[in-house]
Amino acid sequence: MANTDLIAKVKFFVRKNGLNPEDYTDMKILRREREALRDGKTYAEFAQELLSEVTPNKPGYSKCPQCGGMSLIHEDGCMHCKSCGWSACG
């Protein structure tokens, strides 16, 4: 079950970024979580996907092929994800 910290973070970013709060009610978040888990995603994958949906796309960042978050950046000659730690350089 989605923890209260995740729900609070999602609602904070929804308000901060001017998104529609009706799309992110507790019930809708919990329903999406059940569907994600039923589809074989882990809770961490669900949480990362949901948070990346409501957080702003920072300049210079791209979508991570591992976690799907908008936290992939080119630094030190390599692409790596600030969220999950994935790296194109191994």
N, C-alpha and C. Protein backbone atom coordinates (compact mmCIF):
# COMPACT_ATOMS: atom_id res chain seq x y z
N MET A 1 0.85 -1.18 0.00
CA MET A 1 0.00 0.00 0.00
C MET A 1 0.89 1.24 0.00
N ALA A 2 0.55 2.20 -0.82
CA ALA A 2 1.32 3.44 -0.93
C ALA A 2 1.45 4.08 0.45
N ASN A 3 2.67 4.40 0.82
CA ASN A 3 2.84 4.98 2.16
C ASN A 3 2.50 6.45 2.17
N THR A 4 2.28 6.96 3.35
CA THR A 4 1.84 8.35 3.47
C THR A 4 2.91 9.33 3.00
N ASP A 5 4.20 8.97 3.12
CA ASP A 5 5.26 9.85 2.63
C ASP A 5 5.18 10.02 1.12
N LEU A 6 4.96 8.92 0.41
CA LEU A 6 4.85 9.00 -1.05
C LEU A 6 3.65 9.86 -1.44
N ILE A 7 2.52 9.60 -0.84
CA ILE A 7 1.31 10.37 -1.16
C ILE A 7 1.52 11.85 -0.86
N ALA A 8 2.16 12.15 0.26
CA ALA A 8 2.42 13.56 0.62
C ALA A 8 3.36 14.21 -0.40
N LYS A 9 4.40 13.50 -0.83
CA LYS A 9 5.32 14.04 -1.83
C LYS A 9 4.60 14.31 -3.15
N VAL A 10 3.79 13.35 -3.57
CA VAL A 10 3.06 13.51 -4.82
C VAL A 10 2.15 14.73 -4.74
N LYS A 11 1.42 14.85 -3.65
CA LYS A 11 0.49 15.98 -3.51
C LYS A 11 1.24 17.31 -3.44
N PHE A 12 2.41 17.32 -2.81
CA PHE A 12 3.22 18.54 -2.77
C PHE A 12 3.60 18.97 -4.18
N PHE A 13 4.13 18.04 -4.98
CA PHE A 13 4.55 18.38 -6.33
C PHE A 13 3.36 18.72 -7.22
N VAL A 14 2.22 18.10 -6.99
CA VAL A 14 1.02 18.43 -7.75
C VAL A 14 0.65 19.89 -7.51
N ARG A 15 0.64 20.30 -6.25
CA ARG A 15 0.32 21.70 -5.92
C ARG A 15 1.39 22.65 -6.46
N LYS A 16 2.65 22.30 -6.24
CA LYS A 16 3.76 23.17 -6.63
C LYS A 16 3.81 23.38 -8.14
N ASN A 17 3.47 22.37 -8.90
CA ASN A 17 3.61 22.44 -10.36
C ASN A 17 2.30 22.71 -11.07
N GLY A 18 1.25 23.04 -10.32
CA GLY A 18 -0.01 23.42 -10.93
C GLY A 18 -0.74 22.31 -11.66
N LEU A 19 -0.53 21.06 -11.22
CA LEU A 19 -1.23 19.94 -11.84
C LEU A 19 -2.62 19.81 -11.24
N ASN A 20 -3.47 19.05 -11.88
CA ASN A 20 -4.84 18.87 -11.41
C ASN A 20 -4.87 17.93 -10.21
N PRO A 21 -5.22 18.41 -9.01
CA PRO A 21 -5.24 17.55 -7.83
C PRO A 21 -6.26 16.41 -7.92
N GLU A 22 -7.28 16.58 -8.74
CA GLU A 22 -8.26 15.51 -8.91
C GLU A 22 -7.67 14.27 -9.57
N ASP A 23 -6.56 14.43 -10.28
CA ASP A 23 -5.89 13.29 -10.92
C ASP A 23 -5.02 12.52 -9.93
N TYR A 24 -4.80 13.09 -8.74
CA TYR A 24 -3.88 12.48 -7.77
C TYR A 24 -4.51 12.38 -6.38
N THR A 25 -5.75 11.95 -6.31
CA THR A 25 -6.38 11.73 -5.00
C THR A 25 -5.79 10.45 -4.40
N ASP A 26 -5.98 10.28 -3.11
CA ASP A 26 -5.49 9.07 -2.44
C ASP A 26 -6.01 7.81 -3.14
N MET A 27 -7.29 7.81 -3.45
CA MET A 27 -7.90 6.62 -4.07
C MET A 27 -7.30 6.34 -5.45
N LYS A 28 -7.06 7.38 -6.23
CA LYS A 28 -6.49 7.17 -7.56
C LYS A 28 -5.05 6.69 -7.47
N ILE A 29 -4.30 7.20 -6.51
CA ILE A 29 -2.92 6.74 -6.32
C ILE A 29 -2.91 5.28 -5.91
N LEU A 30 -3.77 4.91 -4.97
CA LEU A 30 -3.83 3.52 -4.51
C LEU A 30 -4.28 2.58 -5.63
N ARG A 31 -5.21 3.02 -6.45
CA ARG A 31 -5.66 2.20 -7.58
C ARG A 31 -4.52 1.99 -8.57
N ARG A 32 -3.79 3.05 -8.85
CA ARG A 32 -2.64 2.93 -9.78
C ARG A 32 -1.57 2.02 -9.20
N GLU A 33 -1.38 2.08 -7.89
CA GLU A 33 -0.40 1.20 -7.25
C GLU A 33 -0.82 -0.26 -7.41
N ARG A 34 -2.07 -0.57 -7.13
CA ARG A 34 -2.55 -1.96 -7.29
C ARG A 34 -2.36 -2.44 -8.71
N GLU A 35 -2.68 -1.59 -9.68
CA GLU A 35 -2.52 -1.97 -11.09
C GLU A 35 -1.05 -2.21 -11.44
N ALA A 36 -0.17 -1.36 -10.95
CA ALA A 36 1.26 -1.51 -11.23
C ALA A 36 1.79 -2.80 -10.64
N LEU A 37 1.43 -3.10 -9.40
CA LEU A 37 1.88 -4.32 -8.76
C LEU A 37 1.31 -5.55 -9.46
N ARG A 38 0.07 -5.46 -9.87
CA ARG A 38 -0.55 -6.57 -10.60
C ARG A 38 0.16 -6.80 -11.93
N ASP A 39 0.66 -5.72 -12.53
CA ASP A 39 1.37 -5.82 -13.81
C ASP A 39 2.83 -6.23 -13.66
N GLY A 40 3.26 -6.50 -12.43
CA GLY A 40 4.60 -7.02 -12.19
C GLY A 40 5.65 -5.99 -11.81
N LYS A 41 5.25 -4.74 -11.61
CA LYS A 41 6.21 -3.73 -11.19
C LYS A 41 6.44 -3.85 -9.69
N THR A 42 7.62 -3.46 -9.25
CA THR A 42 7.88 -3.40 -7.81
C THR A 42 7.31 -2.10 -7.26
N TYR A 43 7.20 -2.03 -5.93
CA TYR A 43 6.71 -0.81 -5.32
C TYR A 43 7.66 0.35 -5.65
N ALA A 44 8.97 0.08 -5.61
CA ALA A 44 9.96 1.14 -5.91
C ALA A 44 9.79 1.66 -7.34
N GLU A 45 9.55 0.76 -8.28
CA GLU A 45 9.33 1.19 -9.68
C GLU A 45 8.07 2.03 -9.79
N PHE A 46 7.01 1.61 -9.11
CA PHE A 46 5.76 2.37 -9.11
C PHE A 46 5.99 3.77 -8.54
N ALA A 47 6.65 3.83 -7.38
CA ALA A 47 6.86 5.11 -6.70
C ALA A 47 7.71 6.05 -7.57
N GLN A 48 8.78 5.52 -8.16
CA GLN A 48 9.65 6.33 -9.02
C GLN A 48 8.89 6.86 -10.23
N GLU A 49 8.10 5.99 -10.83
CA GLU A 49 7.31 6.39 -12.00
C GLU A 49 6.32 7.50 -11.65
N LEU A 50 5.65 7.34 -10.52
CA LEU A 50 4.66 8.33 -10.10
C LEU A 50 5.33 9.67 -9.78
N LEU A 51 6.43 9.63 -9.05
CA LEU A 51 7.12 10.87 -8.72
C LEU A 51 7.69 11.56 -9.95
N SER A 52 8.21 10.78 -10.90
CA SER A 52 8.76 11.42 -12.11
C SER A 52 7.66 12.07 -12.94
N GLU A 53 6.44 11.57 -12.78
CA GLU A 53 5.29 12.13 -13.50
C GLU A 53 4.92 13.52 -12.98
N VAL A 54 5.11 13.75 -11.70
CA VAL A 54 4.67 15.01 -11.09
C VAL A 54 5.79 16.00 -10.83
N THR A 55 7.04 15.58 -11.02
CA THR A 55 8.16 16.51 -10.81
C THR A 55 8.50 17.18 -12.13
N PRO A 56 8.95 18.41 -12.06
CA PRO A 56 9.26 19.13 -13.28
C PRO A 56 10.47 18.54 -13.99
N ASN A 57 10.46 18.66 -15.30
CA ASN A 57 11.59 18.21 -16.10
C ASN A 57 12.69 19.28 -15.99
N LYS A 58 13.79 18.91 -15.36
CA LYS A 58 14.89 19.86 -15.19
C LYS A 58 15.67 19.99 -16.49
N PRO A 59 16.12 21.19 -16.82
CA PRO A 59 16.92 21.37 -18.04
C PRO A 59 18.15 20.46 -18.02
N GLY A 60 18.41 19.81 -19.12
CA GLY A 60 19.57 18.94 -19.22
C GLY A 60 19.31 17.50 -18.83
N TYR A 61 18.14 17.22 -18.28
CA TYR A 61 17.82 15.88 -17.85
C TYR A 61 16.95 15.18 -18.90
N SER A 62 17.12 13.88 -19.02
CA SER A 62 16.35 13.07 -19.94
C SER A 62 15.69 11.92 -19.19
N LYS A 63 14.88 11.16 -19.89
CA LYS A 63 14.20 10.02 -19.28
C LYS A 63 15.16 8.83 -19.15
N CYS A 64 15.22 8.27 -17.96
CA CYS A 64 16.10 7.13 -17.68
C CYS A 64 15.51 5.84 -18.27
N PRO A 65 16.31 5.05 -18.99
CA PRO A 65 15.79 3.80 -19.55
C PRO A 65 15.54 2.73 -18.49
N GLN A 66 16.12 2.90 -17.31
CA GLN A 66 15.96 1.91 -16.25
C GLN A 66 14.71 2.18 -15.40
N CYS A 67 14.61 3.40 -14.83
CA CYS A 67 13.52 3.69 -13.90
C CYS A 67 12.42 4.55 -14.51
N GLY A 68 12.70 5.18 -15.66
CA GLY A 68 11.70 6.01 -16.31
C GLY A 68 11.63 7.43 -15.78
N GLY A 69 12.42 7.75 -14.76
CA GLY A 69 12.41 9.09 -14.19
C GLY A 69 13.12 10.09 -15.10
N MET A 70 12.75 11.33 -14.99
CA MET A 70 13.39 12.39 -15.77
C MET A 70 14.63 12.86 -15.00
N SER A 71 15.57 11.96 -14.81
CA SER A 71 16.74 12.26 -13.99
C SER A 71 18.04 11.73 -14.61
N LEU A 72 18.03 11.53 -15.92
CA LEU A 72 19.22 11.05 -16.63
C LEU A 72 20.01 12.27 -17.11
N ILE A 73 21.29 12.31 -16.79
CA ILE A 73 22.11 13.47 -17.14
C ILE A 73 23.48 13.00 -17.62
N HIS A 74 24.08 13.82 -18.48
CA HIS A 74 25.42 13.53 -18.97
C HIS A 74 26.41 14.30 -18.10
N GLU A 75 27.22 13.56 -17.36
CA GLU A 75 28.24 14.14 -16.52
C GLU A 75 29.49 13.28 -16.59
N ASP A 76 30.63 13.90 -16.51
CA ASP A 76 31.91 13.17 -16.49
C ASP A 76 32.04 12.21 -17.65
N GLY A 77 31.51 12.59 -18.81
CA GLY A 77 31.64 11.78 -20.01
C GLY A 77 30.73 10.57 -20.09
N CYS A 78 29.71 10.51 -19.24
CA CYS A 78 28.83 9.34 -19.21
C CYS A 78 27.41 9.75 -18.84
N MET A 79 26.45 9.01 -19.39
CA MET A 79 25.05 9.22 -19.00
C MET A 79 24.79 8.39 -17.75
N HIS A 80 24.20 9.04 -16.72
CA HIS A 80 23.80 8.29 -15.54
C HIS A 80 22.57 8.92 -14.90
N CYS A 81 21.84 8.09 -14.15
CA CYS A 81 20.58 8.50 -13.54
C CYS A 81 20.80 8.94 -12.10
N LYS A 82 20.32 10.12 -11.79
CA LYS A 82 20.42 10.66 -10.43
C LYS A 82 19.45 9.98 -9.49
N SER A 83 18.41 9.32 -10.02
CA SER A 83 17.41 8.68 -9.17
C SER A 83 17.76 7.25 -8.81
N CYS A 84 18.04 6.43 -9.82
CA CYS A 84 18.23 4.99 -9.55
C CYS A 84 19.69 4.54 -9.64
N GLY A 85 20.58 5.42 -10.14
CA GLY A 85 21.99 5.07 -10.22
C GLY A 85 22.41 4.37 -11.50
N TRP A 86 21.47 4.13 -12.42
CA TRP A 86 21.81 3.48 -13.69
C TRP A 86 22.88 4.29 -14.41
N SER A 87 23.78 3.61 -15.10
CA SER A 87 24.83 4.28 -15.84
C SER A 87 25.05 3.60 -17.18
N ALA A 88 25.22 4.38 -18.22
CA ALA A 88 25.51 3.83 -19.55
C ALA A 88 26.94 3.30 -19.62
N CYS A 89 27.75 3.70 -18.67
CA CYS A 89 29.16 3.29 -18.68
C CYS A 89 29.44 2.08 -17.79
N GLY A 90 28.40 1.53 -17.22
CA GLY A 90 28.57 0.33 -16.40
C GLY A 90 28.87 0.63 -15.03
